[in-house]
PDB file of all heavy atoms in Angstrom:
ATOM      1  N   LYS A   1    -192.033-106.127   2.623  1.00  0.00           N
ATOM      2  CA  LYS A   1    -190.731-105.627   3.072  1.00  0.00           C
ATOM      3  C   LYS A   1    -190.801-105.145   4.515  1.00  0.00           C
ATOM      4  O   LYS A   1    -189.879-105.381   5.308  1.00  0.00           O
ATOM      5  CB  LYS A   1    -190.260-104.495   2.155  1.00  0.00           C
ATOM      6  CG  LYS A   1    -189.814-104.960   0.781  1.00  0.00           C
ATOM      7  CD  LYS A   1    -189.369-103.784  -0.076  1.00  0.00           C
ATOM      8  CE  LYS A   1    -188.889-104.245  -1.442  1.00  0.00           C
ATOM      9  NZ  LYS A   1    -188.495-103.094  -2.304  1.00  0.00           N
ATOM     10  N   GLU A   2    -191.895-104.471   4.860  1.00  0.00           N
ATOM     11  CA  GLU A   2    -192.068-103.992   6.230  1.00  0.00           C
ATOM     12  C   GLU A   2    -192.118-105.155   7.223  1.00  0.00           C
ATOM     13  O   GLU A   2    -191.673-105.039   8.365  1.00  0.00           O
ATOM     14  CB  GLU A   2    -193.337-103.152   6.339  1.00  0.00           C
ATOM     15  CG  GLU A   2    -193.244-101.803   5.635  1.00  0.00           C
ATOM     16  CD  GLU A   2    -194.563-101.062   5.624  1.00  0.00           C
ATOM     17  OE1 GLU A   2    -195.542-101.580   6.223  1.00  0.00           O
ATOM     18  OE2 GLU A   2    -194.631 -99.968   5.026  1.00  0.00           O
ATOM     19  N   ARG A   3    -192.649-106.285   6.783  1.00  0.00           N
ATOM     20  CA  ARG A   3    -192.710-107.474   7.639  1.00  0.00           C
ATOM     21  C   ARG A   3    -191.395-108.242   7.676  1.00  0.00           C
ATOM     22  O   ARG A   3    -191.254-109.203   8.433  1.00  0.00           O
ATOM     23  CB  ARG A   3    -193.804-108.420   7.135  1.00  0.00           C
ATOM     24  CG  ARG A   3    -195.206-107.864   7.174  1.00  0.00           C
ATOM     25  CD  ARG A   3    -196.174-108.897   6.605  1.00  0.00           C
ATOM     26  NE  ARG A   3    -197.521-108.375   6.439  1.00  0.00           N
ATOM     27  CZ  ARG A   3    -198.534-109.076   5.953  1.00  0.00           C
ATOM     28  NH1 ARG A   3    -198.338-110.329   5.581  1.00  0.00           N
ATOM     29  NH2 ARG A   3    -199.731-108.537   5.842  1.00  0.00           N
ATOM     30  N   GLY A   4    -190.443-107.837   6.833  1.00  0.00           N
ATOM     31  CA  GLY A   4    -189.178-108.562   6.756  1.00  0.00           C
ATOM     32  C   GLY A   4    -189.273-109.867   5.997  1.00  0.00           C
ATOM     33  O   GLY A   4    -188.440-110.767   6.160  1.00  0.00           O
ATOM     34  N   SER A   5    -190.275-109.994   5.118  1.00  0.00           N
ATOM     35  CA  SER A   5    -190.487-111.237   4.380  1.00  0.00           C
ATOM     36  C   SER A   5    -189.540-111.330   3.190  1.00  0.00           C
ATOM     37  O   SER A   5    -189.371-110.367   2.433  1.00  0.00           O
ATOM     38  CB  SER A   5    -191.933-111.312   3.883  1.00  0.00           C
ATOM     39  OG  SER A   5    -192.108-112.411   3.013  1.00  0.00           O
ATOM     40  N   GLU A   6    -188.942-112.497   2.991  1.00  0.00           N
ATOM     41  CA  GLU A   6    -188.089-112.740   1.828  1.00  0.00           C
ATOM     42  C   GLU A   6    -188.892-112.870   0.542  1.00  0.00           C
ATOM     43  O   GLU A   6    -188.325-112.847  -0.553  1.00  0.00           O
ATOM     44  CB  GLU A   6    -187.258-114.006   2.042  1.00  0.00           C
ATOM     45  CG  GLU A   6    -186.207-113.884   3.136  1.00  0.00           C
ATOM     46  CD  GLU A   6    -185.373-115.145   3.286  1.00  0.00           C
ATOM     47  OE1 GLU A   6    -185.809-116.205   2.790  1.00  0.00           O
ATOM     48  OE2 GLU A   6    -184.293-115.072   3.886  1.00  0.00           O
ATOM     49  N   LEU A   7    -190.214-112.999   0.643  1.00  0.00           N
ATOM     50  CA  LEU A   7    -191.056-113.162  -0.543  1.00  0.00           C
ATOM     51  C   LEU A   7    -190.993-111.949  -1.464  1.00  0.00           C
ATOM     52  O   LEU A   7    -191.317-112.055  -2.649  1.00  0.00           O
ATOM     53  CB  LEU A   7    -192.503-113.407  -0.130  1.00  0.00           C
ATOM     54  CG  LEU A   7    -192.805-114.757   0.522  1.00  0.00           C
ATOM     55  CD1 LEU A   7    -194.231-114.785   1.043  1.00  0.00           C
ATOM     56  CD2 LEU A   7    -192.586-115.885  -0.469  1.00  0.00           C
ATOM     57  N   ALA A   8    -190.584-110.798  -0.939  1.00  0.00           N
ATOM     58  CA  ALA A   8    -190.466-109.613  -1.781  1.00  0.00           C
ATOM     59  C   ALA A   8    -189.236-109.668  -2.677  1.00  0.00           C
ATOM     60  O   ALA A   8    -189.163-108.959  -3.683  1.00  0.00           O
ATOM     61  CB  ALA A   8    -190.402-108.357  -0.906  1.00  0.00           C
ATOM     62  N   GLU A   9    -188.270-110.523  -2.322  1.00  0.00           N
ATOM     63  CA  GLU A   9    -186.986-110.491  -3.023  1.00  0.00           C
ATOM     64  C   GLU A   9    -186.646-111.770  -3.769  1.00  0.00           C
ATOM     65  O   GLU A   9    -186.019-111.713  -4.830  1.00  0.00           O
ATOM     66  CB  GLU A   9    -185.864-110.166  -2.025  1.00  0.00           C
ATOM     67  CG  GLU A   9    -186.027-108.798  -1.369  1.00  0.00           C
ATOM     68  CD  GLU A   9    -184.742-108.300  -0.766  1.00  0.00           C
ATOM     69  OE1 GLU A   9    -183.786-109.079  -0.652  1.00  0.00           O
ATOM     70  OE2 GLU A   9    -184.698-107.104  -0.416  1.00  0.00           O
ATOM     71  N   ILE A  10    -187.010-112.925  -3.245  1.00  0.00           N
ATOM     72  CA  ILE A  10    -186.558-114.168  -3.868  1.00  0.00           C
ATOM     73  C   ILE A  10    -187.726-115.118  -4.109  1.00  0.00           C
ATOM     74  O   ILE A  10    -188.729-115.089  -3.398  1.00  0.00           O
ATOM     75  CB  ILE A  10    -185.476-114.887  -3.018  1.00  0.00           C
ATOM     76  CG1 ILE A  10    -186.033-115.277  -1.646  1.00  0.00           C
ATOM     77  CG2 ILE A  10    -184.240-114.032  -2.889  1.00  0.00           C
ATOM     78  CD1 ILE A  10    -185.058-116.105  -0.818  1.00  0.00           C
ATOM     79  N   HIS A  11    -187.571-115.952  -5.142  1.00  0.00           N
ATOM     80  CA  HIS A  11    -188.488-117.054  -5.390  1.00  0.00           C
ATOM     81  C   HIS A  11    -187.985-118.280  -4.621  1.00  0.00           C
ATOM     82  O   HIS A  11    -186.911-118.263  -4.020  1.00  0.00           O
ATOM     83  CB  HIS A  11    -188.527-117.395  -6.883  1.00  0.00           C
ATOM     84  CG  HIS A  11    -189.137-116.330  -7.740  1.00  0.00           C
ATOM     85  ND1 HIS A  11    -188.446-115.200  -8.106  1.00  0.00           N
ATOM     86  CD2 HIS A  11    -190.364-116.225  -8.325  1.00  0.00           C
ATOM     87  CE1 HIS A  11    -189.215-114.453  -8.869  1.00  0.00           C
ATOM     88  NE2 HIS A  11    -190.381-115.047  -9.020  1.00  0.00           N
ATOM     89  N   LYS A  12    -188.755-119.345  -4.677  1.00  0.00           N
ATOM     90  CA  LYS A  12    -188.295-120.587  -4.053  1.00  0.00           C
ATOM     91  C   LYS A  12    -187.065-121.141  -4.759  1.00  0.00           C
ATOM     92  O   LYS A  12    -186.215-121.773  -4.136  1.00  0.00           O
ATOM     93  CB  LYS A  12    -189.415-121.626  -4.033  1.00  0.00           C
ATOM     94  CG  LYS A  12    -190.344-121.470  -2.842  1.00  0.00           C
ATOM     95  CD  LYS A  12    -191.030-122.781  -2.498  1.00  0.00           C
ATOM     96  CE  LYS A  12    -191.690-122.694  -1.130  1.00  0.00           C
ATOM     97  NZ  LYS A  12    -192.300-123.983  -0.739  1.00  0.00           N
ATOM     98  N   THR A  13    -186.992-120.931  -6.068  1.00  0.00           N
ATOM     99  CA  THR A  13    -185.777-121.287  -6.804  1.00  0.00           C
ATOM    100  C   THR A  13    -185.004-120.006  -7.078  1.00  0.00           C
ATOM    101  O   THR A  13    -185.541-119.056  -7.655  1.00  0.00           O
ATOM    102  CB  THR A  13    -186.099-122.002  -8.119  1.00  0.00           C
ATOM    103  OG1 THR A  13    -186.774-123.232  -7.829  1.00  0.00           O
ATOM    104  CG2 THR A  13    -184.826-122.300  -8.902  1.00  0.00           C
ATOM    105  N   VAL A  14    -183.740-119.979  -6.651  1.00  0.00           N
ATOM    106  CA  VAL A  14    -182.916-118.777  -6.735  1.00  0.00           C
ATOM    107  C   VAL A  14    -181.701-119.073  -7.604  1.00  0.00           C
ATOM    108  O   VAL A  14    -180.987-120.059  -7.371  1.00  0.00           O
ATOM    109  CB  VAL A  14    -182.472-118.311  -5.331  1.00  0.00           C
ATOM    110  CG1 VAL A  14    -181.614-117.054  -5.430  1.00  0.00           C
ATOM    111  CG2 VAL A  14    -183.691-118.056  -4.448  1.00  0.00           C
ATOM    112  N   ILE A  15    -181.461-118.221  -8.604  1.00  0.00           N
ATOM    113  CA  ILE A  15    -180.311-118.381  -9.482  1.00  0.00           C
ATOM    114  C   ILE A  15    -179.089-117.768  -8.820  1.00  0.00           C
ATOM    115  O   ILE A  15    -179.137-116.652  -8.312  1.00  0.00           O
ATOM    116  CB  ILE A  15    -180.556-117.709 -10.846  1.00  0.00           C
ATOM    117  CG1 ILE A  15    -181.865-118.202 -11.466  1.00  0.00           C
ATOM    118  CG2 ILE A  15    -179.382-117.965 -11.787  1.00  0.00           C
ATOM    119  CD1 ILE A  15    -181.899-119.678 -11.738  1.00  0.00           C
ATOM    120  N   ARG A  16    -178.005-118.512  -8.839  1.00  0.00           N
ATOM    121  CA  ARG A  16    -176.728-118.025  -8.318  1.00  0.00           C
ATOM    122  C   ARG A  16    -175.665-118.173  -9.407  1.00  0.00           C
ATOM    123  O   ARG A  16    -175.859-118.939 -10.367  1.00  0.00           O
ATOM    124  CB  ARG A  16    -176.324-118.818  -7.061  1.00  0.00           C
ATOM    125  CG  ARG A  16    -177.159-118.456  -5.831  1.00  0.00           C
ATOM    126  CD  ARG A  16    -176.777-117.069  -5.353  1.00  0.00           C
ATOM    127  NE  ARG A  16    -177.398-116.710  -4.086  1.00  0.00           N
ATOM    128  CZ  ARG A  16    -178.345-115.813  -3.937  1.00  0.00           C
ATOM    129  NH1 ARG A  16    -178.814-115.199  -5.020  1.00  0.00           N
ATOM    130  NH2 ARG A  16    -178.832-115.501  -2.761  1.00  0.00           N
ATOM    131  N   PRO A  17    -174.528-117.484  -9.296  1.00  0.00           N
ATOM    132  CA  PRO A  17    -173.504-117.581 -10.348  1.00  0.00           C
ATOM    133  C   PRO A  17    -172.939-118.983 -10.517  1.00  0.00           C
ATOM    134  O   PRO A  17    -172.470-119.337 -11.599  1.00  0.00           O
ATOM    135  CB  PRO A  17    -172.414-116.597  -9.881  1.00  0.00           C
ATOM    136  CG  PRO A  17    -172.692-116.348  -8.442  1.00  0.00           C
ATOM    137  CD  PRO A  17    -174.165-116.473  -8.282  1.00  0.00           C
ATOM    138  N   TRP A  18    -173.023-119.787  -9.475  1.00  0.00           N
ATOM    139  CA  TRP A  18    -172.499-121.157  -9.535  1.00  0.00           C
ATOM    140  C   TRP A  18    -173.568-122.186  -9.914  1.00  0.00           C
ATOM    141  O   TRP A  18    -173.271-123.352 -10.138  1.00  0.00           O
ATOM    142  CB  TRP A  18    -171.881-121.556  -8.191  1.00  0.00           C
ATOM    143  CG  TRP A  18    -172.664-121.082  -6.991  1.00  0.00           C
ATOM    144  CD1 TRP A  18    -172.402-119.992  -6.225  1.00  0.00           C
ATOM    145  CD2 TRP A  18    -173.852-121.684  -6.430  1.00  0.00           C
ATOM    146  NE1 TRP A  18    -173.347-119.861  -5.217  1.00  0.00           N
ATOM    147  CE2 TRP A  18    -174.240-120.887  -5.326  1.00  0.00           C
ATOM    148  CE3 TRP A  18    -174.613-122.806  -6.753  1.00  0.00           C
ATOM    149  CZ2 TRP A  18    -175.353-121.193  -4.536  1.00  0.00           C
ATOM    150  CZ3 TRP A  18    -175.732-123.107  -5.980  1.00  0.00           C
ATOM    151  CH2 TRP A  18    -176.085-122.305  -4.891  1.00  0.00           C
ATOM    152  N   GLY A  19    -174.831-121.775  -9.963  1.00  0.00           N
ATOM    153  CA  GLY A  19    -175.925-122.706 -10.243  1.00  0.00           C
ATOM    154  C   GLY A  19    -177.234-122.178  -9.699  1.00  0.00           C
ATOM    155  O   GLY A  19    -177.644-121.061 -10.004  1.00  0.00           O
ATOM    156  N   SER A  20    -177.904-122.945  -8.839  1.00  0.00           N
ATOM    157  CA  SER A  20    -179.172-122.508  -8.269  1.00  0.00           C
ATOM    158  C   SER A  20    -179.487-123.307  -7.016  1.00  0.00           C
ATOM    159  O   SER A  20    -178.892-124.356  -6.758  1.00  0.00           O
ATOM    160  CB  SER A  20    -180.314-122.688  -9.278  1.00  0.00           C
ATOM    161  OG  SER A  20    -180.515-124.066  -9.562  1.00  0.00           O
ATOM    162  N   TYR A  21    -180.436-122.780  -6.234  1.00  0.00           N
ATOM    163  CA  TYR A  21    -180.984-123.570  -5.132  1.00  0.00           C
ATOM    164  C   TYR A  21    -182.499-123.384  -5.079  1.00  0.00           C
ATOM    165  O   TYR A  21    -183.021-122.343  -5.484  1.00  0.00           O
ATOM    166  CB  TYR A  21    -180.342-123.226  -3.785  1.00  0.00           C
ATOM    167  CG  TYR A  21    -180.703-121.880  -3.200  1.00  0.00           C
ATOM    168  CD1 TYR A  21    -181.897-121.685  -2.499  1.00  0.00           C
ATOM    169  CD2 TYR A  21    -179.830-120.801  -3.306  1.00  0.00           C
ATOM    170  CE1 TYR A  21    -182.220-120.459  -1.948  1.00  0.00           C
ATOM    171  CE2 TYR A  21    -180.139-119.569  -2.753  1.00  0.00           C
ATOM    172  CZ  TYR A  21    -181.333-119.399  -2.076  1.00  0.00           C
ATOM    173  OH  TYR A  21    -181.654-118.174  -1.534  1.00  0.00           O
ATOM    174  N   ALA A  22    -183.194-124.413  -4.633  1.00  0.00           N
ATOM    175  CA  ALA A  22    -184.645-124.371  -4.475  1.00  0.00           C
ATOM    176  C   ALA A  22    -184.986-124.750  -3.042  1.00  0.00           C
ATOM    177  O   ALA A  22    -184.452-125.729  -2.504  1.00  0.00           O
ATOM    178  CB  ALA A  22    -185.323-125.332  -5.439  1.00  0.00           C
ATOM    179  N   ILE A  23    -185.829-123.957  -2.415  1.00  0.00           N
ATOM    180  CA  ILE A  23    -186.268-124.255  -1.047  1.00  0.00           C
ATOM    181  C   ILE A  23    -187.404-125.272  -1.124  1.00  0.00           C
ATOM    182  O   ILE A  23    -188.479-124.986  -1.662  1.00  0.00           O
ATOM    183  CB  ILE A  23    -186.727-122.984  -0.322  1.00  0.00           C
ATOM    184  CG1 ILE A  23    -185.571-121.970  -0.250  1.00  0.00           C
ATOM    185  CG2 ILE A  23    -187.231-123.316   1.076  1.00  0.00           C
ATOM    186  CD1 ILE A  23    -185.973-120.607   0.274  1.00  0.00           C
ATOM    187  N   LEU A  24    -187.170-126.460  -0.612  1.00  0.00           N
ATOM    188  CA  LEU A  24    -188.167-127.536  -0.658  1.00  0.00           C
ATOM    189  C   LEU A  24    -189.142-127.459   0.506  1.00  0.00           C
ATOM    190  O   LEU A  24    -190.328-127.754   0.363  1.00  0.00           O
ATOM    191  CB  LEU A  24    -187.464-128.898  -0.660  1.00  0.00           C
ATOM    192  CG  LEU A  24    -186.443-129.127  -1.783  1.00  0.00           C
ATOM    193  CD1 LEU A  24    -185.824-130.514  -1.650  1.00  0.00           C
ATOM    194  CD2 LEU A  24    -187.092-128.956  -3.157  1.00  0.00           C
ATOM    195  N   GLU A  25    -188.637-127.068   1.652  1.00  0.00           N
ATOM    196  CA  GLU A  25    -189.483-126.979   2.853  1.00  0.00           C
ATOM    197  C   GLU A  25    -188.753-126.142   3.888  1.00  0.00           C
ATOM    198  O   GLU A  25    -187.524-126.167   3.977  1.00  0.00           O
ATOM    199  CB  GLU A  25    -189.758-128.374   3.415  1.00  0.00           C
ATOM    200  CG  GLU A  25    -190.736-128.398   4.579  1.00  0.00           C
ATOM    201  CD  GLU A  25    -191.021-129.799   5.090  1.00  0.00           C
ATOM    202  OE1 GLU A  25    -190.864-130.760   4.311  1.00  0.00           O
ATOM    203  OE2 GLU A  25    -191.393-129.936   6.272  1.00  0.00           O
ATOM    204  N   GLU A  26    -189.507-125.391   4.673  1.00  0.00           N
ATOM    205  CA  GLU A  26    -188.903-124.649   5.778  1.00  0.00           C
ATOM    206  C   GLU A  26    -189.923-124.432   6.879  1.00  0.00           C
ATOM    207  O   GLU A  26    -191.135-124.454   6.651  1.00  0.00           O
ATOM    208  CB  GLU A  26    -188.322-123.318   5.303  1.00  0.00           C
ATOM    209  CG  GLU A  26    -189.302-122.329   4.735  1.00  0.00           C
ATOM    210  CD  GLU A  26    -188.610-121.056   4.258  1.00  0.00           C
ATOM    211  OE1 GLU A  26    -187.719-120.553   4.977  1.00  0.00           O
ATOM    212  OE2 GLU A  26    -188.957-120.570   3.174  1.00  0.00           O
ATOM    213  N   GLY A  27    -189.427-124.253   8.063  1.00  0.00           N
ATOM    214  CA  GLY A  27    -190.261-124.024   9.229  1.00  0.00           C
ATOM    215  C   GLY A  27    -189.417-123.416  10.322  1.00  0.00           C
ATOM    216  O   GLY A  27    -188.255-123.031  10.097  1.00  0.00           O
ATOM    217  N   PRO A  28    -189.945-123.300  11.536  1.00  0.00           N
ATOM    218  CA  PRO A  28    -189.163-122.746  12.640  1.00  0.00           C
ATOM    219  C   PRO A  28    -187.885-123.549  12.872  1.00  0.00           C
ATOM    220  O   PRO A  28    -187.930-124.754  13.095  1.00  0.00           O
ATOM    221  CB  PRO A  28    -190.123-122.854  13.834  1.00  0.00           C
ATOM    222  CG  PRO A  28    -191.488-122.911  13.225  1.00  0.00           C
ATOM    223  CD  PRO A  28    -191.315-123.656  11.943  1.00  0.00           C
ATOM    224  N   GLN A  29    -186.756-122.903  12.707  1.00  0.00           N
ATOM    225  CA  GLN A  29    -185.434-123.453  13.015  1.00  0.00           C
ATOM    226  C   GLN A  29    -184.987-124.560  12.055  1.00  0.00           C
ATOM    227  O   GLN A  29    -184.056-125.306  12.376  1.00  0.00           O
ATOM    228  CB  GLN A  29    -185.373-123.950  14.466  1.00  0.00           C
ATOM    229  CG  GLN A  29    -185.653-122.837  15.474  1.00  0.00           C
ATOM    230  CD  GLN A  29    -185.460-123.276  16.911  1.00  0.00           C
ATOM    231  OE1 GLN A  29    -185.440-124.458  17.213  1.00  0.00           O
ATOM    232  NE2 GLN A  29    -185.310-122.311  17.796  1.00  0.00           N
ATOM    233  N   TYR A  30    -185.594-124.641  10.856  1.00  0.00           N
ATOM    234  CA  TYR A  30    -185.060-125.575   9.866  1.00  0.00           C
ATOM    235  C   TYR A  30    -185.421-125.118   8.456  1.00  0.00           C
ATOM    236  O   TYR A  30    -186.381-124.384   8.240  1.00  0.00           O
ATOM    237  CB  TYR A  30    -185.567-127.006  10.107  1.00  0.00           C
ATOM    238  CG  TYR A  30    -186.957-127.276   9.579  1.00  0.00           C
ATOM    239  CD1 TYR A  30    -187.151-127.815   8.300  1.00  0.00           C
ATOM    240  CD2 TYR A  30    -188.089-126.995  10.346  1.00  0.00           C
ATOM    241  CE1 TYR A  30    -188.423-128.063   7.813  1.00  0.00           C
ATOM    242  CE2 TYR A  30    -189.367-127.236   9.864  1.00  0.00           C
ATOM    243  CZ  TYR A  30    -189.527-127.776   8.597  1.00  0.00           C
ATOM    244  OH  TYR A  30    -190.785-128.010   8.110  1.00  0.00           O
ATOM    245  N   LYS A  31    -184.619-125.576   7.481  1.00  0.00           N
ATOM    246  CA  LYS A  31    -184.857-125.311   6.063  1.00  0.00           C
ATOM    247  C   LYS A  31    -184.210-126.439   5.262  1.00  0.00           C
ATOM    248  O   LYS A  31    -183.098-126.873   5.574  1.00  0.00           O
ATOM    249  CB  LYS A  31    -184.267-123.964   5.647  1.00  0.00           C
ATOM    250  CG  LYS A  31    -184.523-123.573   4.193  1.00  0.00           C
ATOM    251  CD  LYS A  31    -183.800-122.272   3.821  1.00  0.00           C
ATOM    252  CE  LYS A  31    -184.410-121.072   4.518  1.00  0.00           C
ATOM    253  NZ  LYS A  31    -183.763-119.803   4.063  1.00  0.00           N
ATOM    254  N   ILE A  32    -184.913-126.906   4.221  1.00  0.00           N
ATOM    255  CA  ILE A  32    -184.386-127.976   3.360  1.00  0.00           C
ATOM    256  C   ILE A  32    -184.293-127.423   1.936  1.00  0.00           C
ATOM    257  O   ILE A  32    -185.262-126.891   1.401  1.00  0.00           O
ATOM    258  CB  ILE A  32    -185.288-129.227   3.386  1.00  0.00           C
ATOM    259  CG1 ILE A  32    -185.408-129.746   4.821  1.00  0.00           C
ATOM    260  CG2 ILE A  32    -184.715-130.313   2.472  1.00  0.00           C
ATOM    261  CD1 ILE A  32    -186.418-130.862   4.978  1.00  0.00           C
ATOM    262  N   LYS A  33    -183.106-127.570   1.324  1.00  0.00           N
ATOM    263  CA  LYS A  33    -182.853-127.036  -0.012  1.00  0.00           C
ATOM    264  C   LYS A  33    -182.375-128.131  -0.963  1.00  0.00           C
ATOM    265  O   LYS A  33    -181.705-129.074  -0.544  1.00  0.00           O
ATOM    266  CB  LYS A  33    -181.745-125.968   0.021  1.00  0.00           C
ATOM    267  CG  LYS A  33    -182.077-124.644   0.639  1.00  0.00           C
ATOM    268  CD  LYS A  33    -180.848-123.751   0.550  1.00  0.00           C
ATOM    269  CE  LYS A  33    -181.109-122.358   1.069  1.00  0.00           C
ATOM    270  NZ  LYS A  33    -179.892-121.515   0.971  1.00  0.00           N
ATOM    271  N   LYS A  34    -182.693-127.945  -2.229  1.00  0.00           N
ATOM    272  CA  LYS A  34    -182.048-128.683  -3.304  1.00  0.00           C
ATOM    273  C   LYS A  34    -181.065-127.735  -3.962  1.00  0.00           C
ATOM    274  O   LYS A  34    -181.444-126.670  -4.459  1.00  0.00           O
ATOM    275  CB  LYS A  34    -183.082-129.166  -4.331  1.00  0.00           C
ATOM    276  CG  LYS A  34    -182.475-129.834  -5.555  1.00  0.00           C
ATOM    277  CD  LYS A  34    -183.549-130.150  -6.591  1.00  0.00           C
ATOM    278  CE  LYS A  34    -182.953-130.684  -7.882  1.00  0.00           C
ATOM    279  NZ  LYS A  34    -183.976-130.925  -8.919  1.00  0.00           N
ATOM    280  N   ILE A  35    -179.774-128.096  -3.953  1.00  0.00           N
ATOM    281  CA  ILE A  35    -178.717-127.237  -4.485  1.00  0.00           C
ATOM    282  C   ILE A  35    -178.138-127.882  -5.740  1.00  0.00           C
ATOM    283  O   ILE A  35    -177.761-129.059  -5.727  1.00  0.00           O
ATOM    284  CB  ILE A  35    -177.606-127.012  -3.443  1.00  0.00           C
ATOM    285  CG1 ILE A  35    -178.173-126.266  -2.230  1.00  0.00           C
ATOM    286  CG2 ILE A  35    -176.429-126.248  -4.050  1.00  0.00           C
ATOM    287  CD1 ILE A  35    -177.176-126.041  -1.117  1.00  0.00           C
ATOM    288  N   THR A  36    -178.080-127.111  -6.812  1.00  0.00           N
ATOM    289  CA  THR A  36    -177.520-127.581  -8.083  1.00  0.00           C
ATOM    290  C   THR A  36    -176.308-126.730  -8.423  1.00  0.00           C
ATOM    291  O   THR A  36    -176.404-125.493  -8.471  1.00  0.00           O
ATOM    292  CB  THR A  36    -178.554-127.477  -9.218  1.00  0.00           C
ATOM    293  OG1 THR A  36    -179.718-128.240  -8.869  1.00  0.00           O
ATOM    294  CG2 THR A  36    -177.986-128.001 -10.524  1.00  0.00           C
TER     295      THR A  36
END
């Protein structure tokens, strides 16, 4: 949390009220998701 990392709060697959999303890959200035 002190580092500002999202790893403390979310998994790669995140449940949302409309479905879910999974982070497939990310790096500086980009992110690729699978959204269901």
